[in-house]
Amino acid sequence: MTDLVLLPGLHGDAQTWAPVMRALPDGVHATALDLPAVADLDALADEVAGRVAPGSVVVGHSLGGVVAMHLGCVSQSA
């Protein structure tokens, strides 16, 4: 099973994703994370990467989307 990891935008938190998580079909596992308060994008992505299981699909809104794309670039180059 693929896990979804949901990242909020700037000034948002994990609760931002509550309506989406309620609407997901049964059997889909999703976790919403709060973004840590880190000013540097590379450091932020590193901290988030440490909380994401390998093989997860990361979805983000706004800044969370930037972090998700950064994670994709990091995992492809590793």
N, C-alpha and C. Protein backbone atom coordinates (compact mmCIF):
# COMPACT_ATOMS: atom_id res chain seq x y z
N MET A 1 0.84 -1.18 0.00
CA MET A 1 0.00 0.00 0.00
C MET A 1 0.89 1.25 0.00
N THR A 2 0.53 2.20 -0.82
CA THR A 2 1.26 3.46 -0.86
C THR A 2 0.72 4.40 0.21
N ASP A 3 1.61 5.01 0.95
CA ASP A 3 1.22 5.99 1.95
C ASP A 3 1.30 7.38 1.34
N LEU A 4 0.33 8.22 1.68
CA LEU A 4 0.35 9.62 1.31
C LEU A 4 0.87 10.43 2.48
N VAL A 5 1.74 11.38 2.21
CA VAL A 5 2.21 12.32 3.22
C VAL A 5 1.81 13.70 2.73
N LEU A 6 1.03 14.41 3.52
CA LEU A 6 0.47 15.70 3.13
C LEU A 6 1.17 16.83 3.87
N LEU A 7 1.66 17.82 3.12
CA LEU A 7 2.40 18.94 3.70
C LEU A 7 1.61 20.23 3.50
N PRO A 8 1.43 21.02 4.55
CA PRO A 8 0.67 22.27 4.43
C PRO A 8 1.52 23.38 3.84
N GLY A 9 0.85 24.47 3.53
CA GLY A 9 1.55 25.67 3.08
C GLY A 9 2.04 26.49 4.26
N LEU A 10 2.70 27.58 3.94
CA LEU A 10 3.19 28.51 4.95
C LEU A 10 2.01 29.02 5.76
N HIS A 11 2.15 29.08 7.04
CA HIS A 11 1.12 29.51 8.00
C HIS A 11 0.00 28.49 8.16
N GLY A 12 0.13 27.33 7.52
CA GLY A 12 -0.84 26.26 7.71
C GLY A 12 -0.27 25.22 8.66
N ASP A 13 -1.08 24.23 8.96
CA ASP A 13 -0.60 23.12 9.78
C ASP A 13 -1.25 21.84 9.27
N ALA A 14 -0.98 20.77 9.95
CA ALA A 14 -1.49 19.47 9.50
C ALA A 14 -3.02 19.46 9.40
N GLN A 15 -3.70 20.23 10.23
CA GLN A 15 -5.16 20.27 10.22
C GLN A 15 -5.72 20.82 8.92
N THR A 16 -4.90 21.53 8.16
CA THR A 16 -5.32 22.05 6.85
C THR A 16 -5.84 20.91 5.97
N TRP A 17 -5.26 19.75 6.14
CA TRP A 17 -5.59 18.61 5.30
C TRP A 17 -6.75 17.77 5.82
N ALA A 18 -7.35 18.13 6.95
CA ALA A 18 -8.42 17.32 7.55
C ALA A 18 -9.57 17.03 6.57
N PRO A 19 -10.09 18.03 5.83
CA PRO A 19 -11.19 17.70 4.90
C PRO A 19 -10.77 16.74 3.80
N VAL A 20 -9.54 16.85 3.33
CA VAL A 20 -9.04 15.94 2.29
C VAL A 20 -8.93 14.54 2.86
N MET A 21 -8.39 14.43 4.05
CA MET A 21 -8.21 13.11 4.66
C MET A 21 -9.56 12.41 4.90
N ARG A 22 -10.57 13.21 5.28
CA ARG A 22 -11.91 12.61 5.48
C ARG A 22 -12.51 12.13 4.16
N ALA A 23 -12.12 12.75 3.06
CA ALA A 23 -12.70 12.40 1.76
C ALA A 23 -11.97 11.26 1.06
N LEU A 24 -10.84 10.84 1.57
CA LEU A 24 -10.09 9.75 0.92
C LEU A 24 -10.85 8.44 1.04
N PRO A 25 -10.76 7.61 0.04
CA PRO A 25 -11.45 6.31 0.10
C PRO A 25 -10.86 5.41 1.17
N ASP A 26 -11.68 4.48 1.62
CA ASP A 26 -11.20 3.50 2.59
C ASP A 26 -9.99 2.77 2.01
N GLY A 27 -9.04 2.48 2.86
CA GLY A 27 -7.86 1.75 2.44
C GLY A 27 -6.70 2.65 2.04
N VAL A 28 -6.95 3.95 1.90
CA VAL A 28 -5.86 4.87 1.57
C VAL A 28 -5.33 5.42 2.89
N HIS A 29 -4.05 5.21 3.13
CA HIS A 29 -3.43 5.69 4.36
C HIS A 29 -2.75 7.02 4.09
N ALA A 30 -3.11 8.03 4.88
CA ALA A 30 -2.51 9.35 4.72
C ALA A 30 -2.12 9.91 6.07
N THR A 31 -1.01 10.63 6.08
CA THR A 31 -0.53 11.32 7.27
C THR A 31 -0.26 12.76 6.89
N ALA A 32 -0.78 13.68 7.68
CA ALA A 32 -0.50 15.10 7.47
C ALA A 32 0.56 15.52 8.48
N LEU A 33 1.56 16.23 8.00
CA LEU A 33 2.65 16.69 8.86
C LEU A 33 2.60 18.21 9.00
N ASP A 34 3.07 18.70 10.12
CA ASP A 34 3.36 20.12 10.27
C ASP A 34 4.76 20.35 9.72
N LEU A 35 4.96 21.48 9.05
CA LEU A 35 6.31 21.81 8.60
C LEU A 35 7.08 22.38 9.78
N PRO A 36 8.31 21.92 9.99
CA PRO A 36 9.12 22.48 11.08
C PRO A 36 9.49 23.93 10.77
N ALA A 37 9.74 24.69 11.80
CA ALA A 37 10.10 26.10 11.65
C ALA A 37 11.58 26.22 11.31
N VAL A 38 11.88 26.05 10.02
CA VAL A 38 13.25 26.11 9.53
C VAL A 38 13.26 27.09 8.36
N ALA A 39 14.15 28.05 8.38
CA ALA A 39 14.16 29.11 7.37
C ALA A 39 14.81 28.69 6.05
N ASP A 40 15.71 27.73 6.07
CA ASP A 40 16.45 27.30 4.90
C ASP A 40 15.74 26.13 4.22
N LEU A 41 15.47 26.25 2.91
CA LEU A 41 14.73 25.21 2.19
C LEU A 41 15.43 23.86 2.24
N ASP A 42 16.73 23.84 2.06
CA ASP A 42 17.44 22.55 2.11
C ASP A 42 17.32 21.90 3.48
N ALA A 43 17.47 22.68 4.54
CA ALA A 43 17.35 22.14 5.90
C ALA A 43 15.91 21.69 6.16
N LEU A 44 14.95 22.45 5.67
CA LEU A 44 13.54 22.09 5.83
C LEU A 44 13.26 20.76 5.14
N ALA A 45 13.72 20.62 3.91
CA ALA A 45 13.51 19.37 3.17
C ALA A 45 14.20 18.20 3.86
N ASP A 46 15.39 18.43 4.40
CA ASP A 46 16.09 17.36 5.12
C ASP A 46 15.30 16.91 6.35
N GLU A 47 14.74 17.87 7.09
CA GLU A 47 13.96 17.51 8.29
C GLU A 47 12.71 16.75 7.91
N VAL A 48 12.02 17.19 6.86
CA VAL A 48 10.81 16.50 6.43
C VAL A 48 11.16 15.11 5.90
N ALA A 49 12.25 15.00 5.14
CA ALA A 49 12.66 13.71 4.58
C ALA A 49 12.87 12.67 5.67
N GLY A 50 13.34 13.10 6.82
CA GLY A 50 13.55 12.19 7.94
C GLY A 50 12.26 11.66 8.54
N ARG A 51 11.14 12.28 8.17
CA ARG A 51 9.84 11.86 8.70
C ARG A 51 8.97 11.16 7.66
N VAL A 52 9.51 10.95 6.46
CA VAL A 52 8.75 10.34 5.37
C VAL A 52 9.33 8.96 5.07
N ALA A 53 8.46 7.96 5.11
CA ALA A 53 8.89 6.59 4.82
C ALA A 53 9.23 6.43 3.34
N PRO A 54 10.24 5.64 3.03
CA PRO A 54 10.56 5.38 1.62
C PRO A 54 9.35 4.84 0.89
N GLY A 55 9.15 5.30 -0.34
CA GLY A 55 8.03 4.85 -1.15
C GLY A 55 6.76 5.65 -0.96
N SER A 56 6.76 6.59 -0.03
CA SER A 56 5.58 7.42 0.19
C SER A 56 5.40 8.40 -0.96
N VAL A 57 4.15 8.78 -1.17
CA VAL A 57 3.83 9.84 -2.12
C VAL A 57 3.61 11.10 -1.31
N VAL A 58 4.40 12.14 -1.59
CA VAL A 58 4.33 13.38 -0.83
C VAL A 58 3.56 14.41 -1.65
N VAL A 59 2.54 14.99 -1.01
CA VAL A 59 1.68 15.98 -1.63
C VAL A 59 1.77 17.24 -0.79
N GLY A 60 1.92 18.39 -1.44
CA GLY A 60 2.04 19.62 -0.68
C GLY A 60 1.26 20.75 -1.29
N HIS A 61 0.87 21.68 -0.45
CA HIS A 61 0.20 22.91 -0.87
C HIS A 61 1.16 24.07 -0.64
N SER A 62 1.32 24.92 -1.63
CA SER A 62 2.14 26.13 -1.51
C SER A 62 3.57 25.75 -1.10
N LEU A 63 4.04 26.25 0.04
CA LEU A 63 5.39 25.92 0.48
C LEU A 63 5.55 24.41 0.64
N GLY A 64 4.51 23.73 1.09
CA GLY A 64 4.57 22.28 1.19
C GLY A 64 4.80 21.63 -0.17
N GLY A 65 4.25 22.22 -1.23
CA GLY A 65 4.49 21.73 -2.58
C GLY A 65 5.93 21.91 -3.01
N VAL A 66 6.51 23.04 -2.62
CA VAL A 66 7.92 23.28 -2.94
C VAL A 66 8.79 22.25 -2.23
N VAL A 67 8.47 21.99 -0.96
CA VAL A 67 9.23 20.99 -0.20
C VAL A 67 9.05 19.61 -0.85
N ALA A 68 7.82 19.27 -1.24
CA ALA A 68 7.56 17.98 -1.87
C ALA A 68 8.36 17.82 -3.16
N MET A 69 8.40 18.87 -3.98
CA MET A 69 9.19 18.80 -5.21
C MET A 69 10.68 18.68 -4.90
N HIS A 70 11.13 19.38 -3.87
CA HIS A 70 12.54 19.30 -3.48
C HIS A 70 12.88 17.88 -3.02
N LEU A 71 11.96 17.26 -2.29
CA LEU A 71 12.18 15.88 -1.86
C LEU A 71 12.28 14.96 -3.07
N GLY A 72 11.47 15.19 -4.08
CA GLY A 72 11.50 14.38 -5.29
C GLY A 72 12.85 14.50 -6.00
N CYS A 73 13.37 15.70 -6.03
CA CYS A 73 14.69 15.91 -6.65
C CYS A 73 15.78 15.25 -5.85
N VAL A 74 15.67 15.32 -4.54
CA VAL A 74 16.67 14.72 -3.68
C VAL A 74 16.64 13.21 -3.81
N SER A 75 15.43 12.61 -3.82
CA SER A 75 15.35 11.15 -3.88
C SER A 75 15.78 10.62 -5.25
N GLN A 76 15.58 11.37 -6.32
CA GLN A 76 15.99 10.92 -7.63
C GLN A 76 17.49 10.97 -7.81
N SER A 77 18.13 11.90 -7.10
CA SER A 77 19.58 12.03 -7.27
C SER A 77 20.36 11.15 -6.30
N ALA A 78 19.68 10.57 -5.33
CA ALA A 78 20.37 9.75 -4.33
C ALA A 78 20.68 8.37 -4.87
